[in-house]
Amino acid sequence: MQEFHASQNLRLRVPNEAIPIEHYLRQPQRLVQAITDPRRIEVIGDGVYRLSLRPLQFLGISIEPTADLRVRSQADGSLQLESVGCQVKGPDYLSFVNDSFGMALQGTLTPQRHDRYTELQGRADLQIHIELPPPIRFMPAPMLDSAGKTLLSGILSTIKHRIERQLVEDYRAWVAATHAQPDVNGQGSLRGRAV
């Protein structure tokens, strides 16, 4: 059994808008859509999403992992993300892999408010364990460790870059759409009021 681990930190400045980003972050599906292509997301249940990752190459083998993620928003506007299930698709000769494949993903995203911006501070830890097929199993341990760490770091870096690109853009669009909605209470616009 082989185990691989990688971590990634995130610090992202988000300009303050009329509606604080903490309100946006209380909608976990928005973070999930910022992590990956929305066409690769399936809603499993309340706060649980199945993400199908693009096929990955690991030591010459193409695998297609899926991960079930639970995303919870906290009262302070922070988000917690954790894996609750996983599966990997690959060539037929790797059908045994799912018997031994396991993944643990833990992540947090916490807003730190400042005068003109809010800094989102995040961290993700990803660990997998897997039984490798015999030809690969006998490779030197440093080579396996390096390949595993590279693969996991690549997954986390992709998630980080998508959040950096998508989250601010989606947040601004959400604020604009929220302000464009007619006020059903007849109390005027949300703009300028405490939310």
N, C-alpha and C. Protein backbone atom coordinates (compact mmCIF):
# COMPACT_ATOMS: atom_id res chain seq x y z
N MET A 1 0.85 -1.18 0.00
CA MET A 1 0.00 0.00 0.00
C MET A 1 0.89 1.24 0.00
N GLN A 2 0.62 2.15 -0.90
CA GLN A 2 1.38 3.39 -1.00
C GLN A 2 0.51 4.55 -0.52
N GLU A 3 1.12 5.49 0.19
CA GLU A 3 0.43 6.69 0.62
C GLU A 3 1.15 7.91 0.09
N PHE A 4 0.36 8.89 -0.34
CA PHE A 4 0.91 10.14 -0.86
C PHE A 4 0.15 11.30 -0.22
N HIS A 5 0.85 12.41 -0.01
CA HIS A 5 0.26 13.55 0.67
C HIS A 5 0.76 14.85 0.06
N ALA A 6 -0.12 15.84 -0.02
CA ALA A 6 0.28 17.18 -0.48
C ALA A 6 -0.63 18.20 0.19
N SER A 7 -0.11 19.42 0.34
CA SER A 7 -0.86 20.53 0.93
C SER A 7 -0.72 21.76 0.06
N GLN A 8 -1.69 22.64 0.17
CA GLN A 8 -1.67 23.89 -0.60
C GLN A 8 -2.30 24.98 0.24
N ASN A 9 -1.67 26.16 0.26
CA ASN A 9 -2.23 27.31 0.96
C ASN A 9 -2.74 28.33 -0.05
N LEU A 10 -3.70 29.13 0.38
CA LEU A 10 -4.29 30.15 -0.48
C LEU A 10 -4.45 31.43 0.31
N ARG A 11 -4.07 32.54 -0.31
CA ARG A 11 -4.33 33.87 0.23
C ARG A 11 -4.82 34.69 -0.96
N LEU A 12 -6.07 35.13 -0.88
CA LEU A 12 -6.69 35.82 -2.00
C LEU A 12 -7.39 37.08 -1.51
N ARG A 13 -6.98 38.22 -2.06
CA ARG A 13 -7.64 39.49 -1.70
C ARG A 13 -8.85 39.69 -2.60
N VAL A 14 -9.99 39.94 -1.96
CA VAL A 14 -11.24 40.17 -2.69
C VAL A 14 -11.72 41.57 -2.33
N PRO A 15 -11.86 42.47 -3.33
CA PRO A 15 -12.36 43.82 -3.02
C PRO A 15 -13.73 43.75 -2.36
N ASN A 16 -13.95 44.57 -1.32
CA ASN A 16 -15.24 44.59 -0.64
C ASN A 16 -16.31 45.14 -1.58
N GLU A 17 -17.46 44.50 -1.56
CA GLU A 17 -18.61 44.93 -2.36
C GLU A 17 -19.73 45.32 -1.41
N ALA A 18 -20.87 45.71 -1.98
CA ALA A 18 -22.01 46.15 -1.17
C ALA A 18 -22.53 45.03 -0.27
N ILE A 19 -22.41 43.79 -0.74
CA ILE A 19 -22.82 42.65 0.08
C ILE A 19 -21.53 41.92 0.49
N PRO A 20 -21.29 41.74 1.77
CA PRO A 20 -20.05 41.10 2.22
C PRO A 20 -19.90 39.69 1.64
N ILE A 21 -18.67 39.32 1.38
CA ILE A 21 -18.40 38.01 0.79
C ILE A 21 -18.82 36.87 1.71
N GLU A 22 -18.92 37.12 3.00
CA GLU A 22 -19.38 36.09 3.93
C GLU A 22 -20.77 35.57 3.53
N HIS A 23 -21.62 36.46 3.00
CA HIS A 23 -22.96 36.04 2.56
C HIS A 23 -22.86 35.16 1.32
N TYR A 24 -21.98 35.50 0.45
CA TYR A 24 -21.72 34.68 -0.75
C TYR A 24 -21.22 33.29 -0.35
N LEU A 25 -20.32 33.25 0.62
CA LEU A 25 -19.73 31.98 1.04
C LEU A 25 -20.72 31.07 1.78
N ARG A 26 -21.86 31.60 2.17
CA ARG A 26 -22.88 30.76 2.81
C ARG A 26 -23.63 29.92 1.79
N GLN A 27 -23.21 30.00 0.53
CA GLN A 27 -23.80 29.20 -0.55
C GLN A 27 -22.72 28.25 -1.06
N PRO A 28 -22.52 27.12 -0.38
CA PRO A 28 -21.39 26.24 -0.69
C PRO A 28 -21.29 25.81 -2.15
N GLN A 29 -22.43 25.71 -2.84
CA GLN A 29 -22.37 25.26 -4.23
C GLN A 29 -21.55 26.22 -5.08
N ARG A 30 -21.47 27.48 -4.67
CA ARG A 30 -20.68 28.45 -5.44
C ARG A 30 -19.19 28.13 -5.35
N LEU A 31 -18.72 27.74 -4.18
CA LEU A 31 -17.32 27.35 -4.05
C LEU A 31 -17.03 26.11 -4.87
N VAL A 32 -17.94 25.15 -4.82
CA VAL A 32 -17.75 23.92 -5.58
C VAL A 32 -17.64 24.24 -7.07
N GLN A 33 -18.47 25.17 -7.55
CA GLN A 33 -18.40 25.54 -8.96
C GLN A 33 -17.12 26.30 -9.28
N ALA A 34 -16.54 26.96 -8.29
CA ALA A 34 -15.26 27.64 -8.52
C ALA A 34 -14.11 26.64 -8.55
N ILE A 35 -14.28 25.49 -7.88
CA ILE A 35 -13.22 24.48 -7.83
C ILE A 35 -13.06 23.76 -9.15
N THR A 36 -14.17 23.45 -9.82
CA THR A 36 -14.08 22.64 -11.04
C THR A 36 -15.17 23.05 -12.02
N ASP A 37 -15.08 22.53 -13.20
CA ASP A 37 -16.05 22.77 -14.25
C ASP A 37 -17.44 22.33 -13.76
N PRO A 38 -18.43 23.22 -13.78
CA PRO A 38 -19.77 22.86 -13.29
C PRO A 38 -20.36 21.63 -13.97
N ARG A 39 -19.94 21.32 -15.19
CA ARG A 39 -20.45 20.13 -15.89
C ARG A 39 -19.92 18.85 -15.27
N ARG A 40 -18.91 18.96 -14.40
CA ARG A 40 -18.33 17.79 -13.75
C ARG A 40 -18.80 17.64 -12.30
N ILE A 41 -19.90 18.33 -11.96
CA ILE A 41 -20.42 18.32 -10.60
C ILE A 41 -21.81 17.69 -10.59
N GLU A 42 -22.04 16.83 -9.63
CA GLU A 42 -23.36 16.24 -9.42
C GLU A 42 -23.72 16.46 -7.96
N VAL A 43 -24.92 16.98 -7.72
CA VAL A 43 -25.38 17.18 -6.34
C VAL A 43 -25.86 15.83 -5.81
N ILE A 44 -25.25 15.38 -4.70
CA ILE A 44 -25.59 14.09 -4.11
C ILE A 44 -26.62 14.26 -3.00
N GLY A 45 -26.47 15.29 -2.22
CA GLY A 45 -27.39 15.52 -1.10
C GLY A 45 -27.13 16.89 -0.54
N ASP A 46 -27.66 17.15 0.63
CA ASP A 46 -27.53 18.45 1.26
C ASP A 46 -26.06 18.75 1.57
N GLY A 47 -25.48 19.63 0.79
CA GLY A 47 -24.08 20.03 1.01
C GLY A 47 -23.05 19.02 0.53
N VAL A 48 -23.47 17.95 -0.18
CA VAL A 48 -22.54 16.95 -0.67
C VAL A 48 -22.58 16.94 -2.20
N TYR A 49 -21.39 17.00 -2.80
CA TYR A 49 -21.26 17.10 -4.25
C TYR A 49 -20.28 16.05 -4.75
N ARG A 50 -20.59 15.44 -5.90
CA ARG A 50 -19.67 14.50 -6.54
C ARG A 50 -18.94 15.24 -7.65
N LEU A 51 -17.61 15.29 -7.53
CA LEU A 51 -16.78 15.93 -8.53
C LEU A 51 -16.06 14.86 -9.34
N SER A 52 -16.17 14.94 -10.64
CA SER A 52 -15.44 14.05 -11.54
C SER A 52 -14.24 14.83 -12.06
N LEU A 53 -13.06 14.41 -11.69
CA LEU A 53 -11.86 15.09 -12.15
C LEU A 53 -11.53 14.66 -13.57
N ARG A 54 -10.83 15.50 -14.27
CA ARG A 54 -10.38 15.13 -15.61
C ARG A 54 -9.42 13.96 -15.48
N PRO A 55 -9.30 13.14 -16.53
CA PRO A 55 -8.34 12.02 -16.47
C PRO A 55 -6.94 12.51 -16.13
N LEU A 56 -6.28 11.79 -15.24
CA LEU A 56 -4.93 12.13 -14.79
C LEU A 56 -3.97 11.04 -15.20
N GLN A 57 -2.74 11.43 -15.45
CA GLN A 57 -1.69 10.47 -15.77
C GLN A 57 -0.83 10.25 -14.54
N PHE A 58 -0.70 8.99 -14.14
CA PHE A 58 0.15 8.65 -12.99
C PHE A 58 1.04 7.50 -13.40
N LEU A 59 2.32 7.78 -13.56
CA LEU A 59 3.30 6.77 -13.96
C LEU A 59 2.84 5.99 -15.20
N GLY A 60 2.33 6.73 -16.18
CA GLY A 60 1.93 6.13 -17.44
C GLY A 60 0.54 5.53 -17.46
N ILE A 61 -0.18 5.59 -16.36
CA ILE A 61 -1.53 5.03 -16.30
C ILE A 61 -2.52 6.19 -16.24
N SER A 62 -3.57 6.11 -17.07
CA SER A 62 -4.61 7.13 -17.06
C SER A 62 -5.70 6.71 -16.07
N ILE A 63 -5.98 7.58 -15.10
CA ILE A 63 -7.02 7.31 -14.11
C ILE A 63 -7.98 8.49 -14.07
N GLU A 64 -9.23 8.20 -13.70
CA GLU A 64 -10.25 9.23 -13.61
C GLU A 64 -10.89 9.18 -12.23
N PRO A 65 -10.39 9.97 -11.29
CA PRO A 65 -10.96 9.93 -9.94
C PRO A 65 -12.26 10.72 -9.82
N THR A 66 -13.14 10.25 -8.97
CA THR A 66 -14.30 11.02 -8.56
C THR A 66 -14.23 11.15 -7.04
N ALA A 67 -14.69 12.29 -6.55
CA ALA A 67 -14.66 12.53 -5.11
C ALA A 67 -15.99 13.10 -4.66
N ASP A 68 -16.52 12.58 -3.57
CA ASP A 68 -17.72 13.14 -2.95
C ASP A 68 -17.25 14.08 -1.86
N LEU A 69 -17.64 15.34 -1.97
CA LEU A 69 -17.17 16.36 -1.04
C LEU A 69 -18.35 16.96 -0.28
N ARG A 70 -18.16 17.11 1.01
CA ARG A 70 -19.14 17.82 1.84
C ARG A 70 -18.58 19.22 2.10
N VAL A 71 -19.40 20.22 1.82
CA VAL A 71 -19.00 21.61 2.02
C VAL A 71 -19.97 22.22 3.02
N ARG A 72 -19.42 22.74 4.12
CA ARG A 72 -20.25 23.34 5.17
C ARG A 72 -19.82 24.78 5.39
N SER A 73 -20.81 25.67 5.47
CA SER A 73 -20.50 27.05 5.82
C SER A 73 -20.71 27.23 7.32
N GLN A 74 -19.84 28.02 7.91
CA GLN A 74 -19.87 28.27 9.35
C GLN A 74 -20.47 29.65 9.61
N ALA A 75 -20.84 29.91 10.84
CA ALA A 75 -21.48 31.18 11.22
C ALA A 75 -20.58 32.38 10.93
N ASP A 76 -19.25 32.20 11.00
CA ASP A 76 -18.33 33.32 10.77
C ASP A 76 -18.05 33.55 9.27
N GLY A 77 -18.73 32.82 8.41
CA GLY A 77 -18.52 32.99 6.97
C GLY A 77 -17.47 32.07 6.39
N SER A 78 -16.80 31.30 7.22
CA SER A 78 -15.78 30.39 6.70
C SER A 78 -16.43 29.13 6.15
N LEU A 79 -15.68 28.43 5.33
CA LEU A 79 -16.14 27.18 4.73
C LEU A 79 -15.22 26.05 5.13
N GLN A 80 -15.81 24.88 5.32
CA GLN A 80 -15.02 23.67 5.55
C GLN A 80 -15.41 22.66 4.49
N LEU A 81 -14.41 22.00 3.96
CA LEU A 81 -14.61 21.03 2.90
C LEU A 81 -13.94 19.73 3.31
N GLU A 82 -14.62 18.61 3.10
CA GLU A 82 -14.01 17.32 3.42
C GLU A 82 -14.53 16.26 2.46
N SER A 83 -13.69 15.31 2.15
CA SER A 83 -14.11 14.21 1.29
C SER A 83 -14.88 13.20 2.14
N VAL A 84 -15.95 12.67 1.56
CA VAL A 84 -16.75 11.66 2.25
C VAL A 84 -16.87 10.38 1.43
N GLY A 85 -16.27 10.37 0.26
CA GLY A 85 -16.29 9.18 -0.59
C GLY A 85 -15.42 9.41 -1.81
N CYS A 86 -14.97 8.33 -2.44
CA CYS A 86 -14.14 8.46 -3.62
C CYS A 86 -14.17 7.17 -4.42
N GLN A 87 -13.80 7.29 -5.67
CA GLN A 87 -13.71 6.15 -6.57
C GLN A 87 -12.75 6.54 -7.68
N VAL A 88 -12.12 5.56 -8.28
CA VAL A 88 -11.23 5.84 -9.39
C VAL A 88 -11.57 4.90 -10.55
N LYS A 89 -11.65 5.51 -11.74
CA LYS A 89 -11.88 4.71 -12.94
C LYS A 89 -10.56 4.62 -13.69
N GLY A 90 -10.32 3.47 -14.26
CA GLY A 90 -9.08 3.27 -15.00
C GLY A 90 -9.22 2.08 -15.92
N PRO A 91 -8.10 1.62 -16.49
CA PRO A 91 -8.14 0.44 -17.36
C PRO A 91 -8.66 -0.78 -16.61
N ASP A 92 -9.23 -1.73 -17.35
CA ASP A 92 -9.81 -2.94 -16.74
C ASP A 92 -8.84 -3.68 -15.82
N TYR A 93 -7.56 -3.71 -16.20
CA TYR A 93 -6.61 -4.45 -15.36
C TYR A 93 -6.38 -3.78 -14.01
N LEU A 94 -6.91 -2.57 -13.84
CA LEU A 94 -6.80 -1.88 -12.55
C LEU A 94 -8.11 -1.93 -11.76
N SER A 95 -9.01 -2.84 -12.14
CA SER A 95 -10.31 -2.87 -11.47
C SER A 95 -10.18 -3.10 -9.96
N PHE A 96 -9.09 -3.74 -9.53
CA PHE A 96 -8.88 -3.99 -8.10
C PHE A 96 -8.56 -2.72 -7.32
N VAL A 97 -8.20 -1.65 -8.01
CA VAL A 97 -7.73 -0.44 -7.34
C VAL A 97 -8.77 0.11 -6.37
N ASN A 98 -10.05 0.10 -6.76
CA ASN A 98 -11.07 0.67 -5.88
C ASN A 98 -11.19 -0.06 -4.55
N ASP A 99 -10.75 -1.32 -4.51
CA ASP A 99 -10.77 -2.05 -3.24
C ASP A 99 -9.76 -1.47 -2.25
N SER A 100 -8.72 -0.84 -2.76
CA SER A 100 -7.67 -0.33 -1.88
C SER A 100 -7.54 1.19 -1.92
N PHE A 101 -8.24 1.84 -2.85
CA PHE A 101 -8.07 3.28 -3.03
C PHE A 101 -8.82 4.04 -1.95
N GLY A 102 -8.16 5.00 -1.36
CA GLY A 102 -8.80 5.88 -0.38
C GLY A 102 -8.25 7.28 -0.52
N MET A 103 -9.09 8.24 -0.27
CA MET A 103 -8.67 9.63 -0.38
C MET A 103 -9.23 10.41 0.80
N ALA A 104 -8.42 11.29 1.33
CA ALA A 104 -8.85 12.20 2.40
C ALA A 104 -8.49 13.61 1.98
N LEU A 105 -9.50 14.45 1.86
CA LEU A 105 -9.30 15.85 1.52
C LEU A 105 -9.94 16.68 2.60
N GLN A 106 -9.18 17.58 3.19
CA GLN A 106 -9.67 18.51 4.19
C GLN A 106 -9.29 19.91 3.72
N GLY A 107 -10.24 20.82 3.77
CA GLY A 107 -9.93 22.19 3.35
C GLY A 107 -10.72 23.20 4.15
N THR A 108 -10.15 24.38 4.28
CA THR A 108 -10.84 25.49 4.94
C THR A 108 -10.63 26.75 4.11
N LEU A 109 -11.60 27.64 4.19
CA LEU A 109 -11.50 28.95 3.55
C LEU A 109 -12.12 29.94 4.53
N THR A 110 -11.31 30.88 5.03
CA THR A 110 -11.75 31.80 6.07
C THR A 110 -11.57 33.25 5.62
N PRO A 111 -12.62 34.06 5.71
CA PRO A 111 -12.50 35.47 5.35
C PRO A 111 -11.94 36.30 6.50
N GLN A 112 -11.01 37.18 6.19
CA GLN A 112 -10.45 38.14 7.14
C GLN A 112 -10.74 39.54 6.58
N ARG A 113 -11.69 40.24 7.20
CA ARG A 113 -12.15 41.52 6.67
C ARG A 113 -11.18 42.66 7.01
N HIS A 114 -10.92 43.51 6.00
CA HIS A 114 -10.13 44.74 6.14
C HIS A 114 -10.96 45.89 5.59
N ASP A 115 -10.44 47.11 5.65
CA ASP A 115 -11.22 48.28 5.23
C ASP A 115 -11.69 48.19 3.77
N ARG A 116 -10.78 47.89 2.86
CA ARG A 116 -11.12 47.93 1.43
C ARG A 116 -11.21 46.56 0.77
N TYR A 117 -10.79 45.55 1.46
CA TYR A 117 -10.82 44.21 0.87
C TYR A 117 -11.00 43.18 1.99
N THR A 118 -11.33 42.00 1.56
CA THR A 118 -11.38 40.86 2.47
C THR A 118 -10.37 39.84 1.96
N GLU A 119 -9.53 39.37 2.85
CA GLU A 119 -8.55 38.36 2.44
C GLU A 119 -9.12 36.99 2.78
N LEU A 120 -9.18 36.14 1.76
CA LEU A 120 -9.59 34.75 1.98
C LEU A 120 -8.33 33.94 2.23
N GLN A 121 -8.29 33.28 3.37
CA GLN A 121 -7.15 32.44 3.72
C GLN A 121 -7.62 31.00 3.71
N GLY A 122 -6.91 30.19 2.96
CA GLY A 122 -7.34 28.81 2.83
C GLY A 122 -6.19 27.84 2.92
N ARG A 123 -6.55 26.61 3.20
CA ARG A 123 -5.57 25.52 3.23
C ARG A 123 -6.29 24.24 2.84
N ALA A 124 -5.62 23.43 2.03
CA ALA A 124 -6.16 22.13 1.64
C ALA A 124 -5.08 21.08 1.85
N ASP A 125 -5.47 19.96 2.43
CA ASP A 125 -4.59 18.81 2.62
C ASP A 125 -5.23 17.64 1.89
N LEU A 126 -4.45 17.01 1.03
CA LEU A 126 -4.94 15.89 0.23
C LEU A 126 -4.03 14.69 0.46
N GLN A 127 -4.64 13.57 0.79
CA GLN A 127 -3.88 12.34 1.01
C GLN A 127 -4.61 11.21 0.30
N ILE A 128 -3.84 10.36 -0.38
CA ILE A 128 -4.44 9.16 -0.96
C ILE A 128 -3.61 7.95 -0.55
N HIS A 129 -4.27 6.82 -0.49
CA HIS A 129 -3.55 5.56 -0.36
C HIS A 129 -4.11 4.62 -1.42
N ILE A 130 -3.22 3.83 -1.99
CA ILE A 130 -3.60 3.00 -3.11
C ILE A 130 -2.67 1.79 -3.21
N GLU A 131 -3.20 0.67 -3.63
CA GLU A 131 -2.41 -0.52 -3.91
C GLU A 131 -2.00 -0.44 -5.37
N LEU A 132 -0.73 -0.33 -5.62
CA LEU A 132 -0.24 -0.19 -6.99
C LEU A 132 -0.05 -1.56 -7.64
N PRO A 133 -0.24 -1.64 -8.96
CA PRO A 133 -0.01 -2.92 -9.65
C PRO A 133 1.47 -3.29 -9.63
N PRO A 134 1.79 -4.59 -9.74
CA PRO A 134 3.17 -5.07 -9.59
C PRO A 134 4.25 -4.33 -10.37
N PRO A 135 4.10 -4.00 -11.64
CA PRO A 135 5.24 -3.34 -12.29
C PRO A 135 5.61 -2.02 -11.62
N ILE A 136 4.58 -1.27 -11.20
CA ILE A 136 4.83 0.04 -10.59
C ILE A 136 5.26 -0.12 -9.14
N ARG A 137 4.70 -1.09 -8.45
CA ARG A 137 4.98 -1.30 -7.03
C ARG A 137 6.47 -1.48 -6.76
N PHE A 138 7.21 -2.03 -7.74
CA PHE A 138 8.62 -2.34 -7.51
C PHE A 138 9.56 -1.20 -7.93
N MET A 139 8.99 -0.06 -8.28
CA MET A 139 9.83 1.09 -8.60
C MET A 139 10.47 1.61 -7.31
N PRO A 140 11.60 2.30 -7.42
CA PRO A 140 12.25 2.85 -6.22
C PRO A 140 11.30 3.80 -5.47
N ALA A 141 11.30 3.69 -4.15
CA ALA A 141 10.39 4.48 -3.31
C ALA A 141 10.51 5.99 -3.56
N PRO A 142 11.73 6.56 -3.70
CA PRO A 142 11.81 8.00 -3.94
C PRO A 142 11.12 8.41 -5.25
N MET A 143 11.20 7.55 -6.27
CA MET A 143 10.55 7.85 -7.54
C MET A 143 9.03 7.82 -7.38
N LEU A 144 8.51 6.82 -6.66
CA LEU A 144 7.08 6.73 -6.41
C LEU A 144 6.58 7.93 -5.59
N ASP A 145 7.33 8.26 -4.53
CA ASP A 145 6.94 9.39 -3.68
C ASP A 145 6.90 10.68 -4.49
N SER A 146 7.90 10.89 -5.32
CA SER A 146 7.97 12.10 -6.14
C SER A 146 6.81 12.16 -7.12
N ALA A 147 6.50 11.04 -7.77
CA ALA A 147 5.40 11.00 -8.74
C ALA A 147 4.07 11.24 -8.03
N GLY A 148 3.87 10.63 -6.86
CA GLY A 148 2.64 10.82 -6.11
C GLY A 148 2.45 12.25 -5.64
N LYS A 149 3.52 12.83 -5.10
CA LYS A 149 3.45 14.21 -4.62
C LYS A 149 3.19 15.17 -5.78
N THR A 150 3.83 14.92 -6.92
CA THR A 150 3.62 15.76 -8.10
C THR A 150 2.17 15.71 -8.55
N LEU A 151 1.60 14.50 -8.57
CA LEU A 151 0.21 14.34 -8.98
C LEU A 151 -0.73 15.10 -8.04
N LEU A 152 -0.59 14.89 -6.74
CA LEU A 152 -1.48 15.54 -5.77
C LEU A 152 -1.28 17.05 -5.75
N SER A 153 -0.03 17.49 -5.82
CA SER A 153 0.23 18.93 -5.86
C SER A 153 -0.39 19.56 -7.10
N GLY A 154 -0.38 18.82 -8.20
CA GLY A 154 -1.00 19.31 -9.43
C GLY A 154 -2.51 19.48 -9.27
N ILE A 155 -3.15 18.51 -8.61
CA ILE A 155 -4.59 18.60 -8.37
C ILE A 155 -4.90 19.83 -7.50
N LEU A 156 -4.15 20.00 -6.40
CA LEU A 156 -4.39 21.12 -5.50
C LEU A 156 -4.08 22.46 -6.16
N SER A 157 -3.03 22.51 -6.98
CA SER A 157 -2.70 23.75 -7.69
C SER A 157 -3.79 24.13 -8.68
N THR A 158 -4.35 23.13 -9.36
CA THR A 158 -5.45 23.39 -10.30
C THR A 158 -6.64 23.98 -9.56
N ILE A 159 -6.98 23.39 -8.41
CA ILE A 159 -8.09 23.91 -7.60
C ILE A 159 -7.79 25.34 -7.16
N LYS A 160 -6.58 25.58 -6.68
CA LYS A 160 -6.20 26.92 -6.22
C LYS A 160 -6.33 27.94 -7.34
N HIS A 161 -5.81 27.62 -8.52
CA HIS A 161 -5.85 28.57 -9.63
C HIS A 161 -7.28 28.82 -10.10
N ARG A 162 -8.11 27.79 -10.06
CA ARG A 162 -9.52 28.00 -10.44
C ARG A 162 -10.21 28.92 -9.43
N ILE A 163 -9.93 28.72 -8.15
CA ILE A 163 -10.53 29.60 -7.13
C ILE A 163 -10.05 31.04 -7.36
N GLU A 164 -8.76 31.21 -7.60
CA GLU A 164 -8.22 32.56 -7.81
C GLU A 164 -8.86 33.24 -9.02
N ARG A 165 -9.12 32.47 -10.08
CA ARG A 165 -9.71 33.05 -11.29
C ARG A 165 -11.22 33.20 -11.19
N GLN A 166 -11.91 32.19 -10.66
CA GLN A 166 -13.36 32.12 -10.73
C GLN A 166 -14.08 32.80 -9.57
N LEU A 167 -13.53 32.69 -8.36
CA LEU A 167 -14.29 33.10 -7.19
C LEU A 167 -14.59 34.60 -7.19
N VAL A 168 -13.61 35.44 -7.44
CA VAL A 168 -13.84 36.89 -7.42
C VAL A 168 -14.83 37.28 -8.51
N GLU A 169 -14.66 36.69 -9.68
CA GLU A 169 -15.55 36.99 -10.80
C GLU A 169 -16.99 36.57 -10.47
N ASP A 170 -17.16 35.39 -9.91
CA ASP A 170 -18.49 34.90 -9.58
C ASP A 170 -19.11 35.71 -8.43
N TYR A 171 -18.29 36.07 -7.46
CA TYR A 171 -18.77 36.89 -6.34
C TYR A 171 -19.31 38.22 -6.85
N ARG A 172 -18.56 38.89 -7.72
CA ARG A 172 -19.02 40.19 -8.26
C ARG A 172 -20.30 40.01 -9.08
N ALA A 173 -20.38 38.95 -9.87
CA ALA A 173 -21.59 38.70 -10.66
C ALA A 173 -22.78 38.43 -9.74
N TRP A 174 -22.54 37.70 -8.65
CA TRP A 174 -23.60 37.40 -7.69
C TRP A 174 -24.11 38.68 -7.02
N VAL A 175 -23.19 39.57 -6.63
CA VAL A 175 -23.59 40.85 -6.02
C VAL A 175 -24.42 41.66 -7.01
N ALA A 176 -23.96 41.75 -8.27
CA ALA A 176 -24.69 42.51 -9.29
C ALA A 176 -26.08 41.92 -9.52
N ALA A 177 -26.17 40.60 -9.60
CA ALA A 177 -27.47 39.94 -9.82
C ALA A 177 -28.40 40.15 -8.63
N THR A 178 -27.84 40.11 -7.42
CA THR A 178 -28.64 40.31 -6.21
C THR A 178 -29.22 41.72 -6.19
N HIS A 179 -28.41 42.70 -6.59
CA HIS A 179 -28.89 44.09 -6.62
C HIS A 179 -29.88 44.33 -7.74
N ALA A 180 -29.81 43.54 -8.79
CA ALA A 180 -30.70 43.71 -9.93
C ALA A 180 -32.09 43.14 -9.65
N GLN A 181 -32.22 42.27 -8.64
CA GLN A 181 -33.52 41.68 -8.32
C GLN A 181 -34.42 42.74 -7.70
N PRO A 182 -35.70 42.74 -8.10
CA PRO A 182 -36.63 43.70 -7.48
C PRO A 182 -36.82 43.38 -6.01
N ASP A 183 -37.00 44.40 -5.21
CA ASP A 183 -37.20 44.23 -3.78
C ASP A 183 -38.64 43.81 -3.52
N VAL A 184 -38.84 42.58 -3.05
CA VAL A 184 -40.18 42.06 -2.84
C VAL A 184 -40.82 42.62 -1.56
N ASN A 185 -40.04 43.19 -0.68
CA ASN A 185 -40.59 43.72 0.58
C ASN A 185 -41.02 45.17 0.46
N GLY A 186 -40.69 45.80 -0.67
CA GLY A 186 -41.04 47.20 -0.85
C GLY A 186 -40.23 48.12 0.03
N GLN A 187 -39.06 47.70 0.48
CA GLN A 187 -38.25 48.54 1.36
C GLN A 187 -37.07 49.15 0.63
N GLY A 188 -37.08 49.10 -0.70
CA GLY A 188 -35.98 49.72 -1.44
C GLY A 188 -34.87 48.73 -1.68
N SER A 189 -33.82 49.20 -2.26
CA SER A 189 -32.69 48.38 -2.64
C SER A 189 -31.89 47.92 -1.45
N LEU A 190 -31.17 46.83 -1.63
CA LEU A 190 -30.26 46.36 -0.59
C LEU A 190 -29.06 47.30 -0.45
N ARG A 191 -28.79 48.04 -1.50
CA ARG A 191 -27.59 48.87 -1.50
C ARG A 191 -27.64 49.86 -0.35
N GLY A 192 -26.57 49.91 0.40
CA GLY A 192 -26.44 50.86 1.49
C GLY A 192 -27.05 50.39 2.80
N ARG A 193 -27.77 49.25 2.77
CA ARG A 193 -28.35 48.75 4.02
C ARG A 193 -27.48 47.64 4.57
N ALA A 194 -27.52 47.48 5.88
CA ALA A 194 -26.80 46.35 6.48
C ALA A 194 -27.49 45.07 6.05
N VAL A 195 -26.71 44.10 5.66
CA VAL A 195 -27.27 42.83 5.19
C VAL A 195 -26.95 41.75 6.19
